[in-house]
Structures are given as structure tokens and as C-alpha cells.
Amino acid sequence: MTDEQKQHLEFIQNTINRLSSNSMQLKAITITIAAGLLAVYTSNTKDFLLFIALAQIVFFWMLDGYYLQQERKFRGIYNDVCGVTNNNTIKDYEMPTKLYKKGKYRFLCSVFSLSKILFFGSMTLIMIIIILGLVKNYFS
């Protein structure tokens, strides 16, 4: 392996790490905003706050799915550059994410991956249960 290939792999790995870090920060922000909106709702019972909390969870779910999609594409590039797979020929310092479109690289596959469903799906389900409970006055 040449020095250019090693440096190329390092660039790709740095990108993957940055995407992964952004994903973790997004999850923390999602929890913080949802909890904050629920706290504000307790003192100001405006129903729209609950729907904003639900909407932001779904929005951040889509955004996190996008980050996972990009991370998977860069992992595909990494595997092709280092020779683990030979799906595409990648030139030195090239990062052609457009070559990775099918299968696990699709947006919906990333959004509905097991980790996203467990995290964001459970938050969405909890928020829906809270909204229904408040509408039906189960909590009073």
C-alpha cells in the first residue's frame, strides 16, 4: 500500500468519525429538546408543544438516518480503497459517494435500521403515548 493510499484511508476514516460524532450529538440534542418541550408543557399546557416535540423527534430521526447513510457510503469507499471489497475502482484522494446507491446505502435502509428504530422509534412511541394520555386525561 502506498503512502497516498494510507493518507486517503486516513481522510476517509476522519470523515467517518466526524459523521459518527455528529450522529451522537444529534441524539443528545433530540433528547434535550424533547425533554425541554415536555417541561415547558407542564407549566404552559399548550398542546402544540407536544406536537412540536413529536415533529422534532421525527425530523432528527430523518437527519440521523442521513448521517448513517453517508457514513455507510464512506465505509464502502474505505473498503474499496483498502481492498476488502472490489465493487468500485477508487482513485487516490477520490471520495465518490454517488457510486454507492443500492442496498444498505439507500436512505430508507438507513432511516429504518435497527439502531434508529430502537432509539427514535421508542422516543416517538413514548411521545405518542404521552400525547394520547393527555388528550384522554389518563394522567390527571
Protein backbone atom coordinates (compact mmCIF):
# COMPACT_ATOMS: atom_id res chain seq x y z
CA MET A 1 0.00 0.00 0.00
CA THR A 2 1.39 3.39 -0.98
CA ASP A 3 1.65 6.42 1.27
CA GLU A 4 -1.03 8.13 -0.83
CA GLN A 5 -3.43 5.24 -0.22
CA LYS A 6 -2.70 5.29 3.51
CA GLN A 7 -3.35 9.03 3.68
CA HIS A 8 -6.51 8.59 1.59
CA LEU A 9 -7.74 5.94 4.05
CA GLU A 10 -6.97 8.32 6.91
CA PHE A 11 -9.04 11.08 5.28
CA ILE A 12 -11.95 8.68 4.81
CA GLN A 13 -11.68 7.44 8.41
CA ASN A 14 -11.68 11.03 9.70
CA THR A 15 -14.88 11.69 7.74
CA ILE A 16 -16.50 8.54 9.15
CA ASN A 17 -15.52 9.57 12.68
CA ARG A 18 -16.95 13.06 12.17
CA LEU A 19 -20.26 11.67 10.87
CA SER A 20 -20.47 9.27 13.81
CA SER A 21 -19.76 12.10 16.26
CA ASN A 22 -22.44 14.27 14.65
CA SER A 23 -24.90 11.40 14.98
CA MET A 24 -24.21 11.05 18.71
CA GLN A 25 -24.60 14.79 19.25
CA LEU A 26 -27.87 14.73 17.31
CA LYS A 27 -29.26 12.04 19.61
CA ALA A 28 -28.30 14.06 22.68
CA ILE A 29 -29.92 17.19 21.23
CA THR A 30 -33.08 15.23 20.41
CA ILE A 31 -33.45 14.04 23.99
CA THR A 32 -32.71 17.52 25.36
CA ILE A 33 -35.24 19.30 23.14
CA ALA A 34 -37.96 16.70 23.73
CA ALA A 35 -37.45 16.85 27.49
CA GLY A 36 -37.36 20.65 27.40
CA LEU A 37 -40.60 20.87 25.46
CA LEU A 38 -42.27 18.45 27.87
CA ALA A 39 -41.04 20.54 30.80
CA VAL A 40 -42.40 23.71 29.23
CA TYR A 41 -45.69 21.90 28.56
CA THR A 42 -46.11 21.15 32.27
CA SER A 43 -46.13 24.85 33.10
CA ASN A 44 -47.90 26.03 29.94
CA THR A 45 -50.38 23.43 28.73
CA LYS A 46 -50.37 24.36 25.07
CA ASP A 47 -50.96 21.19 23.07
CA PHE A 48 -48.87 22.39 20.15
CA LEU A 49 -45.73 21.93 22.31
CA LEU A 50 -46.33 18.18 22.35
CA PHE A 51 -46.72 18.08 18.59
CA ILE A 52 -43.58 20.17 18.12
CA ALA A 53 -41.72 17.68 20.33
CA LEU A 54 -43.03 14.80 18.23
CA ALA A 55 -42.18 16.60 14.98
CA GLN A 56 -38.63 17.37 16.09
CA ILE A 57 -38.07 13.72 17.02
CA VAL A 58 -39.17 12.63 13.54
CA PHE A 59 -37.10 15.37 11.88
CA PHE A 60 -33.96 14.42 13.80
CA TRP A 61 -34.66 10.75 13.03
CA MET A 62 -34.51 11.58 9.32
CA LEU A 63 -31.38 13.68 9.77
CA ASP A 64 -29.66 10.93 11.75
CA GLY A 65 -30.65 8.47 9.03
CA TYR A 66 -28.97 10.74 6.52
CA TYR A 67 -25.79 10.76 8.63
CA LEU A 68 -25.86 6.96 8.80
CA GLN A 69 -26.38 6.76 5.04
CA GLN A 70 -23.35 8.97 4.44
CA GLU A 71 -21.30 7.01 6.97
CA ARG A 72 -22.15 3.76 5.20
CA LYS A 73 -21.15 5.25 1.85
CA PHE A 74 -17.78 6.32 3.23
CA ARG A 75 -17.30 2.86 4.76
CA GLY A 76 -17.96 1.44 1.29
CA ILE A 77 -15.33 3.76 -0.16
CA TYR A 78 -12.92 2.78 2.63
CA ASN A 79 -13.45 -0.92 1.94
CA ASP A 80 -12.90 -0.43 -1.80
CA VAL A 81 -9.76 1.66 -1.29
CA CYS A 82 -8.12 -0.78 1.15
CA GLY A 83 -9.09 -3.79 -0.97
CA VAL A 84 -11.58 -5.50 1.36
CA THR A 85 -14.14 -5.29 -1.44
CA ASN A 86 -13.64 -4.62 -5.12
CA ASN A 87 -17.04 -3.19 -6.01
CA ASN A 88 -15.67 0.08 -7.39
CA THR A 89 -12.31 1.37 -8.52
CA ILE A 90 -11.42 4.42 -6.47
CA LYS A 91 -8.59 6.75 -7.43
CA ASP A 92 -6.29 8.21 -4.78
CA TYR A 93 -7.94 11.03 -2.80
CA GLU A 94 -11.27 10.47 -4.51
CA MET A 95 -14.45 10.04 -2.42
CA PRO A 96 -17.24 9.26 -4.92
CA THR A 97 -20.26 8.68 -2.70
CA LYS A 98 -22.51 8.69 -5.77
CA LEU A 99 -21.28 5.19 -6.64
CA TYR A 100 -22.97 3.79 -3.54
CA LYS A 101 -26.74 3.90 -4.12
CA LYS A 102 -28.27 0.46 -3.68
CA GLY A 103 -28.92 -1.84 -0.77
CA LYS A 104 -27.68 -0.67 2.60
CA TYR A 105 -26.63 2.68 1.07
CA ARG A 106 -30.24 3.77 0.44
CA PHE A 107 -31.73 6.47 2.64
CA LEU A 108 -34.71 4.42 3.82
CA CYS A 109 -32.47 1.49 4.77
CA SER A 110 -30.51 3.85 6.97
CA VAL A 111 -33.55 5.56 8.49
CA PHE A 112 -35.16 2.23 9.36
CA SER A 113 -32.03 0.45 10.55
CA LEU A 114 -32.38 -1.41 13.82
CA SER A 115 -30.42 1.15 15.84
CA LYS A 116 -32.53 4.06 14.53
CA ILE A 117 -35.80 2.24 15.10
CA LEU A 118 -34.84 1.32 18.66
CA PHE A 119 -33.74 4.84 19.58
CA PHE A 120 -36.02 7.18 17.63
CA GLY A 121 -38.90 4.71 17.33
CA SER A 122 -39.07 4.31 21.10
CA MET A 123 -38.93 8.09 21.59
CA THR A 124 -41.71 8.54 19.02
CA LEU A 125 -43.82 5.82 20.66
CA ILE A 126 -43.34 7.33 24.12
CA MET A 127 -44.29 10.78 22.81
CA ILE A 128 -47.42 9.39 21.13
CA ILE A 129 -48.40 7.61 24.36
CA ILE A 130 -47.91 10.86 26.29
CA ILE A 131 -49.99 12.83 23.77
CA LEU A 132 -52.81 10.26 23.80
CA GLY A 133 -52.70 10.04 27.59
CA LEU A 134 -53.01 13.80 27.94
CA VAL A 135 -55.77 14.04 25.36
CA LYS A 136 -57.78 11.27 27.08
CA ASN A 137 -56.96 12.71 30.54
CA TYR A 138 -55.35 9.47 31.74
CA PHE A 139 -52.70 11.38 33.70
CA SER A 140 -54.97 13.58 35.76
